Amino acid sequence: MSKSLDVSVSLEFTPNPNTLKYSVNRELLSQGAMNYTKVQDAAKSSPLARDLFGVSGVSGVMVGKNFITVSKTEDADWDTVHREASTTIQDYLTKNPSAFLEGAVEAAQATQKPASQVEAQIRDILDHEIRPALAMDGGDVAFEKFEDGIVYLYLQGACAGCPGAAMTLKMGIEARLREMIPEVLEVVSV
């Protein structure tokens, strides 16, 4: 994590009309993403995500390597959500070197051990090819399981509820996994 407390926050639009991406000039996570859809879950591991849920109209927060995506409810006003979310991010990161409680990220990542060689291959492709591409748009994908030739995934951040999510899942992720791993027959969103 960065030692400098000077924080730069820049807004980026995503393909999802209900999600904005805030890039920051520091590393928040070394890899992957932490996704929150409930304030109770955020409060257990990320004070920054918890504080963002305090912004009226926020329905989801995802913290990535050097960005935070904020999703809003359908009826929330983007001007208000953006103004308050960017201020919350700026204020929090100026005062705190980490977006997470000590040990929270390690605990979440420790539960993600592959059960088989095929699962390890799937996770490797997701981690090194798919997730970095999705992160560019403020999204992520989380592996649920591999069973009977089917890969079960969660789309997160800007990818959750995005109009192009089905195309990303089938034409992007499924096509790549099937090309590289013959055991993969289909990819479905959980």
N, C-alpha and C. Protein backbone atom coordinates (compact mmCIF):
# COMPACT_ATOMS: atom_id res chain seq x y z
N MET A 1 0.83 -1.18 0.00
CA MET A 1 0.00 0.00 0.00
C MET A 1 0.87 1.24 0.00
N SER A 2 0.40 2.28 -0.63
CA SER A 2 1.14 3.53 -0.74
C SER A 2 1.27 4.21 0.61
N LYS A 3 2.44 4.79 0.88
CA LYS A 3 2.66 5.53 2.11
C LYS A 3 2.19 6.97 1.99
N SER A 4 2.20 7.52 0.77
CA SER A 4 1.79 8.90 0.55
C SER A 4 0.30 9.04 0.78
N LEU A 5 -0.08 10.09 1.51
CA LEU A 5 -1.50 10.32 1.75
C LEU A 5 -2.10 11.31 0.75
N ASP A 6 -1.28 11.87 -0.19
CA ASP A 6 -1.82 12.72 -1.24
C ASP A 6 -2.66 11.83 -2.16
N VAL A 7 -3.92 12.18 -2.31
CA VAL A 7 -4.84 11.32 -3.05
C VAL A 7 -5.39 12.06 -4.26
N SER A 8 -5.38 11.38 -5.38
CA SER A 8 -6.00 11.88 -6.59
C SER A 8 -7.11 10.90 -6.96
N VAL A 9 -8.30 11.43 -7.16
CA VAL A 9 -9.46 10.62 -7.53
C VAL A 9 -9.99 11.13 -8.87
N SER A 10 -10.09 10.24 -9.85
CA SER A 10 -10.63 10.66 -11.15
C SER A 10 -11.79 9.77 -11.55
N LEU A 11 -12.79 10.39 -12.12
CA LEU A 11 -14.01 9.70 -12.53
C LEU A 11 -13.86 9.11 -13.92
N GLU A 12 -14.36 7.87 -14.08
CA GLU A 12 -14.43 7.23 -15.39
C GLU A 12 -15.83 6.65 -15.55
N PHE A 13 -16.39 6.81 -16.72
CA PHE A 13 -17.69 6.21 -16.99
C PHE A 13 -17.49 4.75 -17.37
N THR A 14 -18.50 3.94 -17.10
CA THR A 14 -18.46 2.51 -17.41
C THR A 14 -19.57 2.18 -18.40
N PRO A 15 -19.55 1.00 -18.99
CA PRO A 15 -20.65 0.60 -19.88
C PRO A 15 -21.99 0.44 -19.15
N ASN A 16 -21.94 0.32 -17.82
CA ASN A 16 -23.15 0.18 -17.03
C ASN A 16 -23.65 1.56 -16.63
N PRO A 17 -24.85 1.96 -17.05
CA PRO A 17 -25.34 3.30 -16.75
C PRO A 17 -25.58 3.56 -15.26
N ASN A 18 -25.59 2.53 -14.45
CA ASN A 18 -25.81 2.70 -13.01
C ASN A 18 -24.54 2.54 -12.19
N THR A 19 -23.37 2.54 -12.84
CA THR A 19 -22.10 2.36 -12.14
C THR A 19 -21.05 3.33 -12.67
N LEU A 20 -20.36 3.97 -11.74
CA LEU A 20 -19.23 4.82 -12.06
C LEU A 20 -17.95 4.22 -11.48
N LYS A 21 -16.84 4.50 -12.13
CA LYS A 21 -15.53 4.02 -11.68
C LYS A 21 -14.71 5.21 -11.23
N TYR A 22 -14.11 5.08 -10.04
CA TYR A 22 -13.24 6.11 -9.52
C TYR A 22 -11.82 5.54 -9.45
N SER A 23 -10.94 6.04 -10.29
CA SER A 23 -9.53 5.61 -10.26
C SER A 23 -8.81 6.46 -9.22
N VAL A 24 -7.92 5.81 -8.48
CA VAL A 24 -7.13 6.51 -7.46
C VAL A 24 -5.65 6.26 -7.72
N ASN A 25 -4.81 7.13 -7.20
CA ASN A 25 -3.37 7.06 -7.46
C ASN A 25 -2.63 6.24 -6.40
N ARG A 26 -3.26 5.18 -5.96
CA ARG A 26 -2.60 4.28 -5.03
C ARG A 26 -3.16 2.87 -5.18
N GLU A 27 -2.38 1.91 -4.76
CA GLU A 27 -2.83 0.52 -4.81
C GLU A 27 -3.69 0.24 -3.59
N LEU A 28 -4.90 -0.21 -3.85
CA LEU A 28 -5.83 -0.57 -2.78
C LEU A 28 -5.80 -2.07 -2.50
N LEU A 29 -5.55 -2.86 -3.54
CA LEU A 29 -5.44 -4.32 -3.46
C LEU A 29 -4.30 -4.76 -4.36
N SER A 30 -3.59 -5.80 -3.97
CA SER A 30 -2.51 -6.28 -4.84
C SER A 30 -3.05 -7.06 -6.03
N GLN A 31 -4.22 -7.68 -5.88
CA GLN A 31 -4.85 -8.42 -6.97
C GLN A 31 -6.33 -8.60 -6.68
N GLY A 32 -7.09 -8.85 -7.74
CA GLY A 32 -8.51 -9.16 -7.58
C GLY A 32 -9.34 -7.96 -7.19
N ALA A 33 -10.48 -8.24 -6.57
CA ALA A 33 -11.41 -7.20 -6.14
C ALA A 33 -12.22 -7.71 -4.96
N MET A 34 -12.71 -6.78 -4.19
CA MET A 34 -13.61 -7.08 -3.09
C MET A 34 -14.93 -6.39 -3.41
N ASN A 35 -16.01 -7.17 -3.49
CA ASN A 35 -17.30 -6.66 -3.93
C ASN A 35 -18.29 -6.68 -2.77
N TYR A 36 -19.07 -5.61 -2.65
CA TYR A 36 -20.04 -5.50 -1.56
C TYR A 36 -21.38 -5.06 -2.11
N THR A 37 -22.43 -5.78 -1.74
CA THR A 37 -23.78 -5.39 -2.12
C THR A 37 -24.63 -5.05 -0.90
N LYS A 38 -24.03 -5.19 0.29
CA LYS A 38 -24.73 -4.87 1.55
C LYS A 38 -23.77 -4.15 2.48
N VAL A 39 -24.29 -3.13 3.15
CA VAL A 39 -23.46 -2.37 4.08
C VAL A 39 -22.93 -3.26 5.22
N GLN A 40 -23.70 -4.27 5.62
CA GLN A 40 -23.27 -5.15 6.71
C GLN A 40 -22.01 -5.92 6.32
N ASP A 41 -21.93 -6.37 5.08
CA ASP A 41 -20.73 -7.09 4.61
C ASP A 41 -19.54 -6.14 4.50
N ALA A 42 -19.80 -4.93 4.00
CA ALA A 42 -18.72 -3.94 3.88
C ALA A 42 -18.16 -3.59 5.25
N ALA A 43 -19.02 -3.45 6.24
CA ALA A 43 -18.58 -3.05 7.59
C ALA A 43 -17.63 -4.08 8.21
N LYS A 44 -17.73 -5.33 7.78
CA LYS A 44 -16.88 -6.39 8.33
C LYS A 44 -15.45 -6.34 7.80
N SER A 45 -15.23 -5.69 6.63
CA SER A 45 -13.88 -5.74 6.07
C SER A 45 -13.37 -4.44 5.46
N SER A 46 -14.26 -3.52 5.05
CA SER A 46 -13.80 -2.30 4.38
C SER A 46 -14.52 -1.06 4.90
N PRO A 47 -13.84 -0.29 5.76
CA PRO A 47 -14.46 0.96 6.22
C PRO A 47 -14.75 1.93 5.07
N LEU A 48 -13.93 1.92 4.02
CA LEU A 48 -14.19 2.78 2.87
C LEU A 48 -15.50 2.39 2.20
N ALA A 49 -15.68 1.10 1.93
CA ALA A 49 -16.93 0.63 1.30
C ALA A 49 -18.12 0.93 2.21
N ARG A 50 -17.95 0.72 3.52
CA ARG A 50 -19.03 1.02 4.47
C ARG A 50 -19.42 2.48 4.38
N ASP A 51 -18.41 3.38 4.34
CA ASP A 51 -18.70 4.81 4.26
C ASP A 51 -19.41 5.17 2.95
N LEU A 52 -19.06 4.50 1.86
CA LEU A 52 -19.73 4.77 0.58
C LEU A 52 -21.19 4.35 0.61
N PHE A 53 -21.51 3.29 1.36
CA PHE A 53 -22.92 2.90 1.51
C PHE A 53 -23.70 3.95 2.28
N GLY A 54 -23.00 4.84 2.98
CA GLY A 54 -23.65 5.94 3.68
C GLY A 54 -24.13 7.04 2.74
N VAL A 55 -23.69 7.00 1.48
CA VAL A 55 -24.13 7.96 0.47
C VAL A 55 -25.51 7.52 0.00
N SER A 56 -26.47 8.40 0.07
CA SER A 56 -27.84 8.09 -0.33
C SER A 56 -27.88 7.65 -1.79
N GLY A 57 -28.49 6.50 -2.05
CA GLY A 57 -28.64 5.99 -3.41
C GLY A 57 -27.60 4.97 -3.82
N VAL A 58 -26.56 4.72 -3.00
CA VAL A 58 -25.53 3.73 -3.34
C VAL A 58 -26.07 2.33 -3.06
N SER A 59 -25.96 1.45 -4.07
CA SER A 59 -26.46 0.08 -3.92
C SER A 59 -25.35 -0.97 -3.96
N GLY A 60 -24.14 -0.57 -4.35
CA GLY A 60 -23.04 -1.51 -4.42
C GLY A 60 -21.72 -0.80 -4.51
N VAL A 61 -20.67 -1.45 -3.96
CA VAL A 61 -19.32 -0.90 -3.98
C VAL A 61 -18.37 -2.05 -4.28
N MET A 62 -17.45 -1.82 -5.20
CA MET A 62 -16.40 -2.80 -5.46
C MET A 62 -15.06 -2.07 -5.41
N VAL A 63 -14.12 -2.64 -4.66
CA VAL A 63 -12.79 -2.08 -4.56
C VAL A 63 -11.85 -2.98 -5.34
N GLY A 64 -11.15 -2.40 -6.33
CA GLY A 64 -10.19 -3.13 -7.14
C GLY A 64 -8.78 -2.69 -6.84
N LYS A 65 -7.87 -3.04 -7.71
CA LYS A 65 -6.45 -2.76 -7.49
C LYS A 65 -6.18 -1.28 -7.23
N ASN A 66 -6.66 -0.42 -8.11
CA ASN A 66 -6.45 1.01 -7.93
C ASN A 66 -7.70 1.79 -8.32
N PHE A 67 -8.85 1.21 -8.03
CA PHE A 67 -10.11 1.88 -8.35
C PHE A 67 -11.23 1.38 -7.43
N ILE A 68 -12.28 2.17 -7.40
CA ILE A 68 -13.50 1.83 -6.67
C ILE A 68 -14.65 2.04 -7.64
N THR A 69 -15.54 1.06 -7.77
CA THR A 69 -16.75 1.29 -8.55
C THR A 69 -17.90 1.46 -7.58
N VAL A 70 -18.76 2.39 -7.92
CA VAL A 70 -19.93 2.69 -7.10
C VAL A 70 -21.16 2.52 -7.99
N SER A 71 -22.08 1.68 -7.53
CA SER A 71 -23.34 1.47 -8.25
C SER A 71 -24.45 2.17 -7.48
N LYS A 72 -25.41 2.69 -8.23
CA LYS A 72 -26.52 3.41 -7.61
C LYS A 72 -27.84 2.70 -7.90
N THR A 73 -28.82 3.02 -7.10
CA THR A 73 -30.17 2.53 -7.35
C THR A 73 -30.73 3.24 -8.58
N GLU A 74 -31.74 2.65 -9.20
CA GLU A 74 -32.33 3.22 -10.42
C GLU A 74 -32.82 4.65 -10.21
N ASP A 75 -33.39 4.94 -9.05
CA ASP A 75 -34.00 6.24 -8.82
C ASP A 75 -33.05 7.29 -8.25
N ALA A 76 -31.83 6.93 -7.94
CA ALA A 76 -30.88 7.89 -7.37
C ALA A 76 -30.37 8.85 -8.43
N ASP A 77 -30.01 10.05 -8.02
CA ASP A 77 -29.50 11.08 -8.91
C ASP A 77 -27.98 10.99 -8.99
N TRP A 78 -27.43 10.83 -10.22
CA TRP A 78 -25.99 10.66 -10.38
C TRP A 78 -25.21 11.88 -9.89
N ASP A 79 -25.73 13.07 -10.11
CA ASP A 79 -24.99 14.26 -9.66
C ASP A 79 -24.74 14.22 -8.16
N THR A 80 -25.77 13.89 -7.41
CA THR A 80 -25.65 13.83 -5.95
C THR A 80 -24.76 12.66 -5.53
N VAL A 81 -25.00 11.49 -6.09
CA VAL A 81 -24.21 10.32 -5.73
C VAL A 81 -22.74 10.56 -6.07
N HIS A 82 -22.45 11.06 -7.27
CA HIS A 82 -21.07 11.30 -7.67
C HIS A 82 -20.38 12.30 -6.74
N ARG A 83 -21.02 13.40 -6.49
CA ARG A 83 -20.42 14.44 -5.64
C ARG A 83 -20.07 13.87 -4.26
N GLU A 84 -21.02 13.17 -3.65
CA GLU A 84 -20.80 12.64 -2.30
C GLU A 84 -19.83 11.45 -2.30
N ALA A 85 -19.91 10.60 -3.32
CA ALA A 85 -19.00 9.43 -3.38
C ALA A 85 -17.56 9.88 -3.59
N SER A 86 -17.32 10.81 -4.50
CA SER A 86 -15.95 11.24 -4.75
C SER A 86 -15.36 11.94 -3.52
N THR A 87 -16.19 12.72 -2.82
CA THR A 87 -15.73 13.36 -1.58
C THR A 87 -15.43 12.32 -0.51
N THR A 88 -16.28 11.32 -0.40
CA THR A 88 -16.07 10.25 0.59
C THR A 88 -14.77 9.51 0.31
N ILE A 89 -14.52 9.16 -0.95
CA ILE A 89 -13.28 8.46 -1.32
C ILE A 89 -12.07 9.33 -1.01
N GLN A 90 -12.11 10.57 -1.44
CA GLN A 90 -10.99 11.51 -1.22
C GLN A 90 -10.70 11.66 0.28
N ASP A 91 -11.74 11.93 1.06
CA ASP A 91 -11.56 12.14 2.50
C ASP A 91 -11.04 10.89 3.19
N TYR A 92 -11.63 9.74 2.86
CA TYR A 92 -11.21 8.50 3.52
C TYR A 92 -9.75 8.17 3.21
N LEU A 93 -9.38 8.19 1.94
CA LEU A 93 -8.02 7.79 1.55
C LEU A 93 -6.98 8.83 1.98
N THR A 94 -7.37 10.06 2.17
CA THR A 94 -6.45 11.07 2.68
C THR A 94 -6.08 10.77 4.14
N LYS A 95 -7.02 10.24 4.88
CA LYS A 95 -6.81 9.98 6.32
C LYS A 95 -6.35 8.56 6.63
N ASN A 96 -6.55 7.63 5.69
CA ASN A 96 -6.30 6.21 5.97
C ASN A 96 -5.44 5.59 4.87
N PRO A 97 -4.40 4.84 5.25
CA PRO A 97 -3.55 4.21 4.23
C PRO A 97 -4.17 2.98 3.57
N SER A 98 -5.19 2.39 4.17
CA SER A 98 -5.79 1.17 3.61
C SER A 98 -7.30 1.29 3.55
N ALA A 99 -7.89 0.70 2.52
CA ALA A 99 -9.34 0.66 2.38
C ALA A 99 -9.96 -0.47 3.19
N PHE A 100 -9.09 -1.34 3.77
CA PHE A 100 -9.57 -2.56 4.42
C PHE A 100 -9.10 -2.67 5.86
N LEU A 101 -9.86 -3.40 6.64
CA LEU A 101 -9.44 -3.75 8.00
C LEU A 101 -8.28 -4.73 7.91
N GLU A 102 -7.42 -4.71 8.87
CA GLU A 102 -6.25 -5.60 8.86
C GLU A 102 -6.69 -7.07 8.79
N GLY A 103 -6.12 -7.79 7.84
CA GLY A 103 -6.39 -9.21 7.67
C GLY A 103 -7.63 -9.55 6.85
N ALA A 104 -8.46 -8.57 6.52
CA ALA A 104 -9.72 -8.86 5.81
C ALA A 104 -9.50 -9.41 4.41
N VAL A 105 -8.57 -8.83 3.67
CA VAL A 105 -8.31 -9.28 2.30
C VAL A 105 -7.70 -10.67 2.31
N GLU A 106 -6.75 -10.88 3.19
CA GLU A 106 -6.10 -12.20 3.30
C GLU A 106 -7.11 -13.28 3.67
N ALA A 107 -8.03 -12.96 4.57
CA ALA A 107 -9.06 -13.93 4.97
C ALA A 107 -9.98 -14.28 3.80
N ALA A 108 -10.35 -13.28 3.02
CA ALA A 108 -11.23 -13.53 1.86
C ALA A 108 -10.52 -14.35 0.80
N GLN A 109 -9.23 -14.07 0.56
CA GLN A 109 -8.48 -14.79 -0.46
C GLN A 109 -8.11 -16.20 -0.02
N ALA A 110 -8.01 -16.44 1.27
CA ALA A 110 -7.64 -17.76 1.78
C ALA A 110 -8.73 -18.80 1.52
N THR A 111 -9.96 -18.35 1.35
CA THR A 111 -11.07 -19.28 1.12
C THR A 111 -11.20 -19.67 -0.35
N GLN A 112 -10.30 -19.20 -1.20
CA GLN A 112 -10.44 -19.40 -2.64
C GLN A 112 -9.42 -20.38 -3.20
N LYS A 113 -9.27 -21.53 -2.61
CA LYS A 113 -8.31 -22.53 -3.09
C LYS A 113 -8.97 -23.42 -4.14
N PRO A 114 -8.30 -23.66 -5.28
CA PRO A 114 -8.89 -24.51 -6.33
C PRO A 114 -9.02 -25.97 -5.88
N ALA A 115 -10.12 -26.59 -6.30
CA ALA A 115 -10.41 -27.97 -5.91
C ALA A 115 -9.82 -28.99 -6.88
N SER A 116 -9.48 -28.58 -8.11
CA SER A 116 -8.97 -29.51 -9.12
C SER A 116 -8.01 -28.77 -10.06
N GLN A 117 -7.35 -29.54 -10.91
CA GLN A 117 -6.45 -28.96 -11.90
C GLN A 117 -7.22 -28.10 -12.90
N VAL A 118 -8.38 -28.56 -13.32
CA VAL A 118 -9.21 -27.79 -14.27
C VAL A 118 -9.63 -26.48 -13.62
N GLU A 119 -10.06 -26.55 -12.37
CA GLU A 119 -10.44 -25.33 -11.66
C GLU A 119 -9.26 -24.37 -11.54
N ALA A 120 -8.08 -24.90 -11.29
CA ALA A 120 -6.87 -24.06 -11.22
C ALA A 120 -6.61 -23.38 -12.56
N GLN A 121 -6.80 -24.10 -13.67
CA GLN A 121 -6.63 -23.51 -15.01
C GLN A 121 -7.66 -22.41 -15.25
N ILE A 122 -8.90 -22.66 -14.86
CA ILE A 122 -9.97 -21.67 -15.03
C ILE A 122 -9.61 -20.41 -14.25
N ARG A 123 -9.25 -20.57 -13.00
CA ARG A 123 -8.89 -19.41 -12.16
C ARG A 123 -7.70 -18.66 -12.73
N ASP A 124 -6.73 -19.38 -13.28
CA ASP A 124 -5.55 -18.73 -13.85
C ASP A 124 -5.94 -17.84 -15.04
N ILE A 125 -6.77 -18.36 -15.92
CA ILE A 125 -7.22 -17.57 -17.08
C ILE A 125 -8.06 -16.38 -16.62
N LEU A 126 -8.93 -16.62 -15.66
CA LEU A 126 -9.73 -15.52 -15.13
C LEU A 126 -8.84 -14.43 -14.54
N ASP A 127 -7.87 -14.84 -13.71
CA ASP A 127 -7.01 -13.88 -13.01
C ASP A 127 -6.07 -13.13 -13.93
N HIS A 128 -5.53 -13.80 -14.94
CA HIS A 128 -4.50 -13.18 -15.76
C HIS A 128 -5.00 -12.58 -17.07
N GLU A 129 -6.17 -12.99 -17.55
CA GLU A 129 -6.68 -12.47 -18.82
C GLU A 129 -8.01 -11.74 -18.68
N ILE A 130 -8.96 -12.38 -18.03
CA ILE A 130 -10.33 -11.85 -18.00
C ILE A 130 -10.48 -10.71 -17.00
N ARG A 131 -10.06 -10.92 -15.78
CA ARG A 131 -10.25 -9.90 -14.74
C ARG A 131 -9.56 -8.57 -15.06
N PRO A 132 -8.32 -8.58 -15.57
CA PRO A 132 -7.72 -7.29 -15.93
C PRO A 132 -8.51 -6.55 -17.01
N ALA A 133 -9.06 -7.27 -17.97
CA ALA A 133 -9.86 -6.63 -19.02
C ALA A 133 -11.14 -6.04 -18.44
N LEU A 134 -11.80 -6.78 -17.56
CA LEU A 134 -13.03 -6.28 -16.94
C LEU A 134 -12.75 -5.09 -16.03
N ALA A 135 -11.61 -5.11 -15.34
CA ALA A 135 -11.25 -4.01 -14.44
C ALA A 135 -11.11 -2.69 -15.18
N MET A 136 -10.73 -2.75 -16.45
CA MET A 136 -10.62 -1.52 -17.23
C MET A 136 -11.95 -0.78 -17.32
N ASP A 137 -13.06 -1.53 -17.25
CA ASP A 137 -14.39 -0.93 -17.28
C ASP A 137 -15.02 -0.84 -15.89
N GLY A 138 -14.23 -1.09 -14.85
CA GLY A 138 -14.75 -0.99 -13.49
C GLY A 138 -15.48 -2.23 -13.01
N GLY A 139 -15.23 -3.37 -13.67
CA GLY A 139 -15.92 -4.60 -13.30
C GLY A 139 -14.98 -5.69 -12.87
N ASP A 140 -15.55 -6.81 -12.53
CA ASP A 140 -14.78 -7.98 -12.12
C ASP A 140 -15.67 -9.21 -12.27
N VAL A 141 -15.05 -10.36 -12.15
CA VAL A 141 -15.77 -11.62 -12.16
C VAL A 141 -15.20 -12.49 -11.05
N ALA A 142 -16.08 -13.17 -10.34
CA ALA A 142 -15.64 -14.06 -9.26
C ALA A 142 -16.07 -15.48 -9.59
N PHE A 143 -15.16 -16.41 -9.36
CA PHE A 143 -15.41 -17.83 -9.61
C PHE A 143 -16.25 -18.40 -8.48
N GLU A 144 -17.32 -19.09 -8.82
CA GLU A 144 -18.16 -19.77 -7.83
C GLU A 144 -17.78 -21.25 -7.76
N LYS A 145 -17.89 -21.95 -8.94
CA LYS A 145 -17.55 -23.38 -8.96
C LYS A 145 -17.48 -23.86 -10.40
N PHE A 146 -16.90 -25.06 -10.56
CA PHE A 146 -16.87 -25.77 -11.84
C PHE A 146 -17.49 -27.12 -11.57
N GLU A 147 -18.58 -27.43 -12.30
CA GLU A 147 -19.31 -28.67 -12.04
C GLU A 147 -19.95 -29.17 -13.33
N ASP A 148 -19.69 -30.44 -13.66
CA ASP A 148 -20.28 -31.06 -14.84
C ASP A 148 -20.06 -30.25 -16.12
N GLY A 149 -18.87 -29.69 -16.27
CA GLY A 149 -18.51 -28.94 -17.46
C GLY A 149 -18.98 -27.49 -17.47
N ILE A 150 -19.66 -27.08 -16.42
CA ILE A 150 -20.20 -25.72 -16.36
C ILE A 150 -19.41 -24.89 -15.35
N VAL A 151 -18.99 -23.69 -15.79
CA VAL A 151 -18.31 -22.74 -14.92
C VAL A 151 -19.35 -21.74 -14.44
N TYR A 152 -19.46 -21.60 -13.13
CA TYR A 152 -20.41 -20.67 -12.51
C TYR A 152 -19.63 -19.46 -12.02
N LEU A 153 -20.04 -18.28 -12.50
CA LEU A 153 -19.34 -17.04 -12.17
C LEU A 153 -20.31 -15.98 -11.67
N TYR A 154 -19.77 -15.07 -10.86
CA TYR A 154 -20.49 -13.86 -10.43
C TYR A 154 -19.88 -12.67 -11.16
N LEU A 155 -20.68 -11.91 -11.86
CA LEU A 155 -20.22 -10.65 -12.44
C LEU A 155 -20.39 -9.58 -11.37
N GLN A 156 -19.36 -8.72 -11.21
CA GLN A 156 -19.35 -7.76 -10.12
C GLN A 156 -19.03 -6.36 -10.62
N GLY A 157 -19.24 -5.38 -9.74
CA GLY A 157 -18.93 -4.00 -10.07
C GLY A 157 -19.75 -3.55 -11.27
N ALA A 158 -19.10 -2.88 -12.21
CA ALA A 158 -19.80 -2.36 -13.39
C ALA A 158 -20.38 -3.48 -14.25
N CYS A 159 -19.84 -4.70 -14.14
CA CYS A 159 -20.34 -5.81 -14.96
C CYS A 159 -21.69 -6.33 -14.48
N ALA A 160 -21.97 -6.18 -13.18
CA ALA A 160 -23.25 -6.64 -12.65
C ALA A 160 -24.36 -5.72 -13.15
N GLY A 161 -25.27 -6.25 -13.90
CA GLY A 161 -26.37 -5.46 -14.41
C GLY A 161 -26.05 -4.64 -15.64
N CYS A 162 -24.88 -4.82 -16.21
CA CYS A 162 -24.49 -4.08 -17.41
C CYS A 162 -25.28 -4.61 -18.61
N PRO A 163 -25.71 -3.71 -19.50
CA PRO A 163 -26.43 -4.17 -20.69
C PRO A 163 -25.63 -5.16 -21.55
N GLY A 164 -24.31 -5.07 -21.52
CA GLY A 164 -23.48 -5.98 -22.31
C GLY A 164 -22.99 -7.20 -21.56
N ALA A 165 -23.52 -7.45 -20.37
CA ALA A 165 -23.03 -8.54 -19.52
C ALA A 165 -23.19 -9.91 -20.18
N ALA A 166 -24.31 -10.17 -20.82
CA ALA A 166 -24.53 -11.48 -21.45
C ALA A 166 -23.52 -11.71 -22.58
N MET A 167 -23.23 -10.66 -23.34
CA MET A 167 -22.26 -10.79 -24.42
C MET A 167 -20.85 -11.02 -23.84
N THR A 168 -20.51 -10.28 -22.80
CA THR A 168 -19.21 -10.46 -22.14
C THR A 168 -19.06 -11.89 -21.65
N LEU A 169 -20.12 -12.40 -21.03
CA LEU A 169 -20.08 -13.73 -20.45
C LEU A 169 -19.94 -14.81 -21.53
N LYS A 170 -20.77 -14.76 -22.54
CA LYS A 170 -20.79 -15.82 -23.55
C LYS A 170 -19.71 -15.66 -24.63
N MET A 171 -19.63 -14.49 -25.22
CA MET A 171 -18.71 -14.29 -26.34
C MET A 171 -17.28 -14.01 -25.88
N GLY A 172 -17.13 -13.55 -24.66
CA GLY A 172 -15.80 -13.25 -24.14
C GLY A 172 -15.28 -14.36 -23.25
N ILE A 173 -15.84 -14.46 -22.07
CA ILE A 173 -15.33 -15.39 -21.06
C ILE A 173 -15.52 -16.84 -21.48
N GLU A 174 -16.75 -17.20 -21.87
CA GLU A 174 -17.01 -18.60 -22.25
C GLU A 174 -16.16 -19.01 -23.45
N ALA A 175 -16.08 -18.16 -24.45
CA ALA A 175 -15.30 -18.49 -25.65
C ALA A 175 -13.84 -18.73 -25.30
N ARG A 176 -13.27 -17.88 -24.46
CA ARG A 176 -11.86 -18.02 -24.09
C ARG A 176 -11.64 -19.28 -23.26
N LEU A 177 -12.47 -19.54 -22.29
CA LEU A 177 -12.29 -20.73 -21.45
C LEU A 177 -12.47 -22.01 -22.27
N ARG A 178 -13.45 -22.05 -23.16
CA ARG A 178 -13.66 -23.24 -23.99
C ARG A 178 -12.49 -23.46 -24.95
N GLU A 179 -11.91 -22.37 -25.43
CA GLU A 179 -10.76 -22.47 -26.33
C GLU A 179 -9.55 -23.07 -25.61
N MET A 180 -9.36 -22.72 -24.37
CA MET A 180 -8.16 -23.13 -23.63
C MET A 180 -8.34 -24.42 -22.81
N ILE A 181 -9.59 -24.72 -22.42
CA ILE A 181 -9.83 -25.86 -21.53
C ILE A 181 -10.96 -26.71 -22.10
N PRO A 182 -10.63 -27.86 -22.69
CA PRO A 182 -11.66 -28.69 -23.34
C PRO A 182 -12.77 -29.16 -22.39
N GLU A 183 -12.50 -29.25 -21.12
CA GLU A 183 -13.51 -29.71 -20.16
C GLU A 183 -14.63 -28.69 -19.94
N VAL A 184 -14.39 -27.43 -20.29
CA VAL A 184 -15.40 -26.39 -20.11
C VAL A 184 -16.40 -26.46 -21.26
N LEU A 185 -17.67 -26.66 -20.92
CA LEU A 185 -18.73 -26.74 -21.90
C LEU A 185 -19.56 -25.46 -21.97
N GLU A 186 -19.68 -24.78 -20.82
CA GLU A 186 -20.54 -23.59 -20.75
C GLU A 186 -20.11 -22.74 -19.56
N VAL A 187 -20.42 -21.45 -19.65
CA VAL A 187 -20.22 -20.52 -18.55
C VAL A 187 -21.56 -19.86 -18.25
N VAL A 188 -21.95 -19.84 -16.98
CA VAL A 188 -23.21 -19.22 -16.59
C VAL A 188 -22.98 -18.25 -15.44
N SER A 189 -23.84 -17.24 -15.41
CA SER A 189 -23.79 -16.25 -14.33
C SER A 189 -24.67 -16.72 -13.18
N VAL A 190 -24.15 -16.58 -11.98
CA VAL A 190 -24.90 -16.97 -10.79
C VAL A 190 -25.67 -15.78 -10.29
